[in-house]
Amino acid sequence: MADAASEFEIIQKIPYADIPGFPTTGVKGHRGQLSLIKDANKSGLLFEGRFHYYEGLTMQQVTAPVLLAYLCGVRYLLLTNASGGLNPSFEIGDIMLVEDQINLMGDSPLRGPNDDSLGPRFPDMTEAFSKSLIKKLIRIAKEENLPLHRGVYVGVHGPSFETPAEYRFLRIIGADAVGMSTVPEVIMARYLNLEVSCLCVITDLGVEGRTVQVSHDDVLKESSKKAKLIARLYKRLLHEIF
């Protein structure tokens, strides 16, 4: 959600192509740059554009921004994504706060030899998303008079959108929203002991009887409408945790 950058003071912009070992993103709507941001005398990293497994990358490449952030001293990972809504109570344009996730991507960024200096071989995922951050975001949203859904996000590898039967299956197994990202980053973040939160914009619906054809342009259009609002929520959250 590139428009979110306008909510912060940007100190420096670094194209992904200039970062050693970083892949480049070829997905429309992902700028492919890292911005060093500042707000209220606190600094942070803003990744404008993520990498996706469906681009043919490894899971380690997909999660390279998380590892870089950790090595730079970051301890909180605040994520956003565009998702398809599976919960019948959702409408296009709603925002969902992720409370848990399901990994149906068929891979993990932790597969392979483990580096014990970074994290444990078998990281615990009992609290994939920080309960403390969830509690704070719920209160902030109430103070902002912003309706905020809560639910489970399921990650699939894509790149095709789901069939009606797949939407039904994902709902049956407990998901409220579906997307093609986020899950790998969360796994890597918890491995590195980062606290995580995630806000999803519901850009289309996979609800039986309400499913319509969707394109990537539709997803970009809906997500851009909420980018600044989500940035404002996260900005308030940052003020509270620092």
C-alpha atoms as a PDB file:
ATOM      1  CA  MET A   1       0.000   0.000   0.000  1.00  0.00           C
ATOM      2  CA  ALA A   2       2.332   2.634  -1.348  1.00  0.00           C
ATOM      3  CA  ASP A   3       0.143   5.624  -0.425  1.00  0.00           C
ATOM      4  CA  ALA A   4       0.846   4.904   3.246  1.00  0.00           C
ATOM      5  CA  ALA A   5       4.322   6.408   2.874  1.00  0.00           C
ATOM      6  CA  SER A   6       2.833   9.899   2.674  1.00  0.00           C
ATOM      7  CA  GLU A   7       1.879   9.693   6.365  1.00  0.00           C
ATOM      8  CA  PHE A   8       5.530   9.680   7.452  1.00  0.00           C
ATOM      9  CA  GLU A   9       8.622  11.829   7.028  1.00  0.00           C
ATOM     10  CA  ILE A  10      10.865  10.024   4.566  1.00  0.00           C
ATOM     11  CA  ILE A  11      14.561  10.429   5.259  1.00  0.00           C
ATOM     12  CA  GLN A  12      15.920   8.291   2.435  1.00  0.00           C
ATOM     13  CA  LYS A  13      14.638   6.019  -0.329  1.00  0.00           C
ATOM     14  CA  ILE A  14      16.583   2.984  -1.502  1.00  0.00           C
ATOM     15  CA  PRO A  15      15.469   1.015  -4.586  1.00  0.00           C
ATOM     16  CA  TYR A  16      15.371  -2.725  -3.964  1.00  0.00           C
ATOM     17  CA  ALA A  17      17.717  -3.129  -6.931  1.00  0.00           C
ATOM     18  CA  ASP A  18      20.406  -1.296  -4.910  1.00  0.00           C
ATOM     19  CA  ILE A  19      20.185  -3.675  -1.934  1.00  0.00           C
ATOM     20  CA  PRO A  20      22.662  -6.585  -2.282  1.00  0.00           C
ATOM     21  CA  GLY A  21      20.922  -9.937  -2.419  1.00  0.00           C
ATOM     22  CA  PHE A  22      17.436  -8.466  -2.818  1.00  0.00           C
ATOM     23  CA  PRO A  23      15.228  -9.623  -5.685  1.00  0.00           C
ATOM     24  CA  THR A  24      13.125  -7.075  -7.548  1.00  0.00           C
ATOM     25  CA  THR A  25       9.350  -7.111  -7.572  1.00  0.00           C
ATOM     26  CA  GLY A  26       7.573  -7.158 -10.887  1.00  0.00           C
ATOM     27  CA  VAL A  27       4.018  -6.933  -9.574  1.00  0.00           C
ATOM     28  CA  LYS A  28       1.962  -3.868 -10.484  1.00  0.00           C
ATOM     29  CA  GLY A  29       1.287  -1.660  -7.470  1.00  0.00           C
ATOM     30  CA  HIS A  30       4.496  -2.615  -5.653  1.00  0.00           C
ATOM     31  CA  ARG A  31       7.010   0.233  -5.963  1.00  0.00           C
ATOM     32  CA  GLY A  32      10.019  -1.835  -5.004  1.00  0.00           C
ATOM     33  CA  GLN A  33      11.799   0.516  -2.643  1.00  0.00           C
ATOM     34  CA  LEU A  34      12.814   0.707   0.983  1.00  0.00           C
ATOM     35  CA  SER A  35      12.209   3.997   2.755  1.00  0.00           C
ATOM     36  CA  LEU A  36      13.827   5.068   5.995  1.00  0.00           C
ATOM     37  CA  ILE A  37      11.052   6.922   7.805  1.00  0.00           C
ATOM     38  CA  LYS A  38      10.887   9.161  10.848  1.00  0.00           C
ATOM     39  CA  ASP A  39       8.023  10.126  13.105  1.00  0.00           C
ATOM     40  CA  ALA A  40       8.133  11.819  16.509  1.00  0.00           C
ATOM     41  CA  ASN A  41      11.902  11.327  16.737  1.00  0.00           C
ATOM     42  CA  LYS A  42      11.541   7.592  16.093  1.00  0.00           C
ATOM     43  CA  SER A  43      12.840   5.927  12.956  1.00  0.00           C
ATOM     44  CA  GLY A  44      11.717   2.835  11.101  1.00  0.00           C
ATOM     45  CA  LEU A  45      11.795   0.988   7.810  1.00  0.00           C
ATOM     46  CA  LEU A  46       8.941   1.094   5.299  1.00  0.00           C
ATOM     47  CA  PHE A  47       9.017  -1.552   2.586  1.00  0.00           C
ATOM     48  CA  GLU A  48       7.007  -0.246  -0.357  1.00  0.00           C
ATOM     49  CA  GLY A  49       6.279  -3.456  -2.183  1.00  0.00           C
ATOM     50  CA  ARG A  50       6.705  -7.077  -1.153  1.00  0.00           C
ATOM     51  CA  PHE A  51       7.923 -10.204  -2.880  1.00  0.00           C
ATOM     52  CA  HIS A  52       5.596 -13.089  -3.696  1.00  0.00           C
ATOM     53  CA  TYR A  53       6.150 -16.817  -3.893  1.00  0.00           C
ATOM     54  CA  TYR A  54       4.185 -16.949  -7.164  1.00  0.00           C
ATOM     55  CA  GLU A  55       6.848 -14.796  -8.828  1.00  0.00           C
ATOM     56  CA  GLY A  56       9.086 -17.863  -8.841  1.00  0.00           C
ATOM     57  CA  LEU A  57      11.121 -16.776  -5.821  1.00  0.00           C
ATOM     58  CA  THR A  58      12.204 -18.952  -2.939  1.00  0.00           C
ATOM     59  CA  MET A  59      10.611 -18.470   0.449  1.00  0.00           C
ATOM     60  CA  GLN A  60      13.942 -17.120   1.680  1.00  0.00           C
ATOM     61  CA  GLN A  61      13.827 -14.421  -1.004  1.00  0.00           C
ATOM     62  CA  VAL A  62      10.212 -13.624  -0.164  1.00  0.00           C
ATOM     63  CA  THR A  63      11.129 -13.019   3.479  1.00  0.00           C
ATOM     64  CA  ALA A  64      14.400 -11.154   2.846  1.00  0.00           C
ATOM     65  CA  PRO A  65      12.855  -7.828   3.993  1.00  0.00           C
ATOM     66  CA  VAL A  66      11.962  -9.345   7.372  1.00  0.00           C
ATOM     67  CA  LEU A  67      15.482 -10.624   7.937  1.00  0.00           C
ATOM     68  CA  LEU A  68      16.954  -7.281   6.853  1.00  0.00           C
ATOM     69  CA  ALA A  69      14.653  -5.417   9.243  1.00  0.00           C
ATOM     70  CA  TYR A  70      15.661  -7.705  12.095  1.00  0.00           C
ATOM     71  CA  LEU A  71      19.363  -7.201  11.393  1.00  0.00           C
ATOM     72  CA  CYS A  72      18.762  -3.433  11.425  1.00  0.00           C
ATOM     73  CA  GLY A  73      17.307  -3.638  14.924  1.00  0.00           C
ATOM     74  CA  VAL A  74      13.580  -3.679  14.132  1.00  0.00           C
ATOM     75  CA  ARG A  75      11.494  -5.476  16.762  1.00  0.00           C
ATOM     76  CA  TYR A  76       7.936  -4.908  15.507  1.00  0.00           C
ATOM     77  CA  LEU A  77       6.608  -5.967  12.101  1.00  0.00           C
ATOM     78  CA  LEU A  78       3.431  -4.168  11.031  1.00  0.00           C
ATOM     79  CA  LEU A  79       1.990  -5.767   7.907  1.00  0.00           C
ATOM     80  CA  THR A  80      -0.750  -4.896   5.436  1.00  0.00           C
ATOM     81  CA  ASN A  81      -2.280  -6.812   2.570  1.00  0.00           C
ATOM     82  CA  ALA A  82      -5.176  -6.977   0.138  1.00  0.00           C
ATOM     83  CA  SER A  83      -7.399  -9.994   0.734  1.00  0.00           C
ATOM     84  CA  GLY A  84     -10.457 -11.748  -0.555  1.00  0.00           C
ATOM     85  CA  GLY A  85     -13.235 -11.837   2.011  1.00  0.00           C
ATOM     86  CA  LEU A  86     -14.630 -15.256   2.964  1.00  0.00           C
ATOM     87  CA  ASN A  87     -16.732 -14.241   5.957  1.00  0.00           C
ATOM     88  CA  PRO A  88     -20.356 -13.547   4.900  1.00  0.00           C
ATOM     89  CA  SER A  89     -20.456 -10.490   7.175  1.00  0.00           C
ATOM     90  CA  PHE A  90     -17.665  -8.776   5.214  1.00  0.00           C
ATOM     91  CA  GLU A  91     -18.108  -6.124   2.540  1.00  0.00           C
ATOM     92  CA  ILE A  92     -15.631  -4.872  -0.031  1.00  0.00           C
ATOM     93  CA  GLY A  93     -13.576  -2.098   1.548  1.00  0.00           C
ATOM     94  CA  ASP A  94     -13.749  -3.505   5.082  1.00  0.00           C
ATOM     95  CA  ILE A  95     -10.597  -3.812   7.176  1.00  0.00           C
ATOM     96  CA  MET A  96      -9.769  -7.017   9.034  1.00  0.00           C
ATOM     97  CA  LEU A  97      -7.329  -7.324  11.912  1.00  0.00           C
ATOM     98  CA  VAL A  98      -5.628 -10.704  11.664  1.00  0.00           C
ATOM     99  CA  GLU A  99      -5.770 -12.807  14.825  1.00  0.00           C
ATOM    100  CA  ASP A 100      -4.330 -16.021  13.391  1.00  0.00           C
ATOM    101  CA  GLN A 101      -3.265 -17.586  10.105  1.00  0.00           C
ATOM    102  CA  ILE A 102      -3.345 -20.820   8.102  1.00  0.00           C
ATOM    103  CA  ASN A 103      -0.441 -21.754   5.836  1.00  0.00           C
ATOM    104  CA  LEU A 104      -1.616 -23.434   2.610  1.00  0.00           C
ATOM    105  CA  MET A 105       1.324 -22.213   0.555  1.00  0.00           C
ATOM    106  CA  GLY A 106       3.028 -25.602   0.587  1.00  0.00           C
ATOM    107  CA  ASP A 107       6.382 -24.267   1.791  1.00  0.00           C
ATOM    108  CA  SER A 108       8.105 -22.422   4.628  1.00  0.00           C
ATOM    109  CA  PRO A 109      10.941 -19.881   4.735  1.00  0.00           C
ATOM    110  CA  LEU A 110      12.497 -22.011   7.490  1.00  0.00           C
ATOM    111  CA  ARG A 111      12.916 -25.143   5.373  1.00  0.00           C
ATOM    112  CA  GLY A 112      16.559 -26.195   5.163  1.00  0.00           C
ATOM    113  CA  PRO A 113      19.499 -25.980   7.581  1.00  0.00           C
ATOM    114  CA  ASN A 114      18.807 -23.850  10.644  1.00  0.00           C
ATOM    115  CA  ASP A 115      20.972 -20.956  11.853  1.00  0.00           C
ATOM    116  CA  ASP A 116      20.742 -21.273  15.634  1.00  0.00           C
ATOM    117  CA  SER A 117      22.087 -17.737  16.036  1.00  0.00           C
ATOM    118  CA  LEU A 118      18.880 -16.375  14.491  1.00  0.00           C
ATOM    119  CA  GLY A 119      16.168 -18.589  15.915  1.00  0.00           C
ATOM    120  CA  PRO A 120      15.119 -22.074  17.028  1.00  0.00           C
ATOM    121  CA  ARG A 121      14.789 -25.045  14.713  1.00  0.00           C
ATOM    122  CA  PHE A 122      11.117 -25.396  15.682  1.00  0.00           C
ATOM    123  CA  PRO A 123       9.681 -21.942  16.488  1.00  0.00           C
ATOM    124  CA  ASP A 124       6.432 -21.766  18.426  1.00  0.00           C
ATOM    125  CA  MET A 125       3.487 -20.207  16.551  1.00  0.00           C
ATOM    126  CA  THR A 126       0.969 -20.167  19.385  1.00  0.00           C
ATOM    127  CA  GLU A 127       0.908 -16.367  19.223  1.00  0.00           C
ATOM    128  CA  ALA A 128       1.698 -15.658  15.590  1.00  0.00           C
ATOM    129  CA  PHE A 129       0.109 -12.219  15.960  1.00  0.00           C
ATOM    130  CA  SER A 130       0.861 -10.215  19.091  1.00  0.00           C
ATOM    131  CA  LYS A 131      -2.083 -10.183  21.497  1.00  0.00           C
ATOM    132  CA  SER A 132      -0.794  -6.933  22.933  1.00  0.00           C
ATOM    133  CA  LEU A 133      -0.761  -5.220  19.529  1.00  0.00           C
ATOM    134  CA  ILE A 134      -4.194  -6.644  18.689  1.00  0.00           C
ATOM    135  CA  LYS A 135      -5.634  -5.210  21.902  1.00  0.00           C
ATOM    136  CA  LYS A 136      -4.117  -1.799  21.205  1.00  0.00           C
ATOM    137  CA  LEU A 137      -5.356  -1.698  17.596  1.00  0.00           C
ATOM    138  CA  ILE A 138      -8.897  -2.638  18.627  1.00  0.00           C
ATOM    139  CA  ARG A 139      -8.972   0.252  21.084  1.00  0.00           C
ATOM    140  CA  ILE A 140      -7.411   2.702  18.605  1.00  0.00           C
ATOM    141  CA  ALA A 141      -9.966   1.737  15.947  1.00  0.00           C
ATOM    142  CA  LYS A 142     -12.802   2.358  18.403  1.00  0.00           C
ATOM    143  CA  GLU A 143     -11.391   5.777  19.233  1.00  0.00           C
ATOM    144  CA  GLU A 144     -11.209   6.509  15.495  1.00  0.00           C
ATOM    145  CA  ASN A 145     -14.809   5.272  15.025  1.00  0.00           C
ATOM    146  CA  LEU A 146     -13.511   2.763  12.514  1.00  0.00           C
ATOM    147  CA  PRO A 147     -15.301  -0.589  12.168  1.00  0.00           C
ATOM    148  CA  LEU A 148     -12.615  -3.254  12.439  1.00  0.00           C
ATOM    149  CA  HIS A 149     -13.293  -6.916  11.751  1.00  0.00           C
ATOM    150  CA  ARG A 150     -11.176  -9.629  13.318  1.00  0.00           C
ATOM    151  CA  GLY A 151     -10.436 -12.993  11.817  1.00  0.00           C
ATOM    152  CA  VAL A 152      -8.172 -15.691  10.409  1.00  0.00           C
ATOM    153  CA  TYR A 153      -6.091 -15.175   7.263  1.00  0.00           C
ATOM    154  CA  VAL A 154      -5.224 -18.091   4.983  1.00  0.00           C
ATOM    155  CA  GLY A 155      -2.250 -17.839   2.648  1.00  0.00           C
ATOM    156  CA  VAL A 156      -2.248 -19.619  -0.730  1.00  0.00           C
ATOM    157  CA  HIS A 157       0.529 -19.474  -3.294  1.00  0.00           C
ATOM    158  CA  GLY A 158      -1.509 -18.234  -6.289  1.00  0.00           C
ATOM    159  CA  PRO A 159      -1.254 -16.543  -8.700  1.00  0.00           C
ATOM    160  CA  SER A 160      -4.751 -17.472  -9.859  1.00  0.00           C
ATOM    161  CA  PHE A 161      -7.694 -16.280  -7.828  1.00  0.00           C
ATOM    162  CA  GLU A 162      -9.740 -18.989  -6.145  1.00  0.00           C
ATOM    163  CA  THR A 163     -12.588 -20.984  -7.654  1.00  0.00           C
ATOM    164  CA  PRO A 164     -15.991 -20.914  -5.925  1.00  0.00           C
ATOM    165  CA  ALA A 165     -15.304 -24.435  -4.595  1.00  0.00           C
ATOM    166  CA  GLU A 166     -11.950 -23.315  -3.185  1.00  0.00           C
ATOM    167  CA  TYR A 167     -13.583 -20.324  -1.505  1.00  0.00           C
ATOM    168  CA  ARG A 168     -16.081 -22.678   0.158  1.00  0.00           C
ATOM    169  CA  PHE A 169     -13.293 -25.019   1.276  1.00  0.00           C
ATOM    170  CA  LEU A 170     -11.241 -22.186   2.792  1.00  0.00           C
ATOM    171  CA  ARG A 171     -14.259 -20.939   4.705  1.00  0.00           C
ATOM    172  CA  ILE A 172     -14.999 -24.437   6.013  1.00  0.00           C
ATOM    173  CA  ILE A 173     -11.483 -24.826   7.432  1.00  0.00           C
ATOM    174  CA  GLY A 174     -11.835 -21.590   9.401  1.00  0.00           C
ATOM    175  CA  ALA A 175     -10.558 -18.717   7.255  1.00  0.00           C
ATOM    176  CA  ASP A 176     -12.155 -15.276   7.104  1.00  0.00           C
ATOM    177  CA  ALA A 177      -9.867 -13.854   4.397  1.00  0.00           C
ATOM    178  CA  VAL A 178      -7.528 -15.268   1.762  1.00  0.00           C
ATOM    179  CA  GLY A 179      -4.451 -13.879   0.048  1.00  0.00           C
ATOM    180  CA  MET A 180      -1.175 -14.741  -1.645  1.00  0.00           C
ATOM    181  CA  SER A 181       1.254 -13.178   0.837  1.00  0.00           C
ATOM    182  CA  THR A 182       1.870 -12.432   4.524  1.00  0.00           C
ATOM    183  CA  VAL A 183       2.110 -15.994   5.874  1.00  0.00           C
ATOM    184  CA  PRO A 184       5.827 -16.427   5.026  1.00  0.00           C
ATOM    185  CA  GLU A 185       6.717 -13.054   6.524  1.00  0.00           C
ATOM    186  CA  VAL A 186       4.861 -13.869   9.733  1.00  0.00           C
ATOM    187  CA  ILE A 187       6.629 -17.232  10.080  1.00  0.00           C
ATOM    188  CA  MET A 188      10.022 -15.586   9.594  1.00  0.00           C
ATOM    189  CA  ALA A 189       9.168 -12.771  11.998  1.00  0.00           C
ATOM    190  CA  ARG A 190       8.141 -15.120  14.779  1.00  0.00           C
ATOM    191  CA  TYR A 191      11.255 -17.219  14.172  1.00  0.00           C
ATOM    192  CA  LEU A 192      13.242 -14.016  14.785  1.00  0.00           C
ATOM    193  CA  ASN A 193      11.054 -13.187  17.822  1.00  0.00           C
ATOM    194  CA  LEU A 194       9.512 -10.054  16.274  1.00  0.00           C
ATOM    195  CA  GLU A 195       6.066  -8.938  17.422  1.00  0.00           C
ATOM    196  CA  VAL A 196       3.645  -8.948  14.490  1.00  0.00           C
ATOM    197  CA  SER A 197       0.367  -7.336  13.531  1.00  0.00           C
ATOM    198  CA  CYS A 198      -1.484  -7.339  10.224  1.00  0.00           C
ATOM    199  CA  LEU A 199      -4.358  -5.344   8.762  1.00  0.00           C
ATOM    200  CA  CYS A 200      -6.114  -6.623   5.626  1.00  0.00           C
ATOM    201  CA  VAL A 201      -8.212  -4.619   3.192  1.00  0.00           C
ATOM    202  CA  ILE A 202     -11.038  -6.758   1.828  1.00  0.00           C
ATOM    203  CA  THR A 203     -10.800  -6.013  -1.885  1.00  0.00           C
ATOM    204  CA  ASP A 204     -13.141  -8.709  -3.242  1.00  0.00           C
ATOM    205  CA  LEU A 205     -15.532 -11.339  -1.946  1.00  0.00           C
ATOM    206  CA  GLY A 206     -15.389 -15.121  -2.098  1.00  0.00           C
ATOM    207  CA  VAL A 207     -18.751 -15.561  -0.415  1.00  0.00           C
ATOM    208  CA  GLU A 208     -21.204 -17.984  -1.990  1.00  0.00           C
ATOM    209  CA  GLY A 209     -23.857 -16.100  -3.968  1.00  0.00           C
ATOM    210  CA  ARG A 210     -21.820 -12.867  -3.924  1.00  0.00           C
ATOM    211  CA  THR A 211     -18.691 -13.923  -5.806  1.00  0.00           C
ATOM    212  CA  VAL A 212     -17.932 -11.951  -8.970  1.00  0.00           C
ATOM    213  CA  GLN A 213     -15.044 -11.919 -11.425  1.00  0.00           C
ATOM    214  CA  VAL A 214     -12.061 -10.012 -10.063  1.00  0.00           C
ATOM    215  CA  SER A 215      -8.861  -8.604 -11.553  1.00  0.00           C
ATOM    216  CA  HIS A 216      -5.597  -7.343 -10.062  1.00  0.00           C
ATOM    217  CA  ASP A 217      -6.623  -3.795 -10.991  1.00  0.00           C
ATOM    218  CA  ASP A 218      -9.761  -4.207  -8.873  1.00  0.00           C
ATOM    219  CA  VAL A 219      -7.599  -5.265  -5.934  1.00  0.00           C
ATOM    220  CA  LEU A 220      -5.268  -2.278  -6.354  1.00  0.00           C
ATOM    221  CA  LYS A 221      -8.174   0.144  -6.587  1.00  0.00           C
ATOM    222  CA  GLU A 222      -9.814  -1.003  -3.364  1.00  0.00           C
ATOM    223  CA  SER A 223      -6.579  -1.302  -1.379  1.00  0.00           C
ATOM    224  CA  SER A 224      -5.448   2.219  -2.332  1.00  0.00           C
ATOM    225  CA  LYS A 225      -8.651   3.665  -0.872  1.00  0.00           C
ATOM    226  CA  LYS A 226      -7.717   2.435   2.610  1.00  0.00           C
ATOM    227  CA  ALA A 227      -3.935   2.906   2.543  1.00  0.00           C
ATOM    228  CA  LYS A 228      -3.827   6.225   4.370  1.00  0.00           C
ATOM    229  CA  LEU A 229      -6.399   5.086   6.919  1.00  0.00           C
ATOM    230  CA  ILE A 230      -4.350   2.016   7.786  1.00  0.00           C
ATOM    231  CA  ALA A 231      -1.211   4.153   7.960  1.00  0.00           C
ATOM    232  CA  ARG A 232      -2.956   6.415  10.463  1.00  0.00           C
ATOM    233  CA  LEU A 233      -3.896   3.449  12.652  1.00  0.00           C
ATOM    234  CA  TYR A 234      -0.355   2.135  12.586  1.00  0.00           C
ATOM    235  CA  LYS A 235       1.043   5.596  13.245  1.00  0.00           C
ATOM    236  CA  ARG A 236      -1.005   5.824  16.437  1.00  0.00           C
ATOM    237  CA  LEU A 237       0.085   2.316  17.377  1.00  0.00           C
ATOM    238  CA  LEU A 238       3.736   3.275  16.946  1.00  0.00           C
ATOM    239  CA  HIS A 239       3.243   6.268  19.228  1.00  0.00           C
ATOM    240  CA  GLU A 240       2.005   3.907  21.937  1.00  0.00           C
ATOM    241  CA  ILE A 241       4.654   1.197  21.733  1.00  0.00           C
ATOM    242  CA  PHE A 242       7.617   3.602  21.637  1.00  0.00           C
END
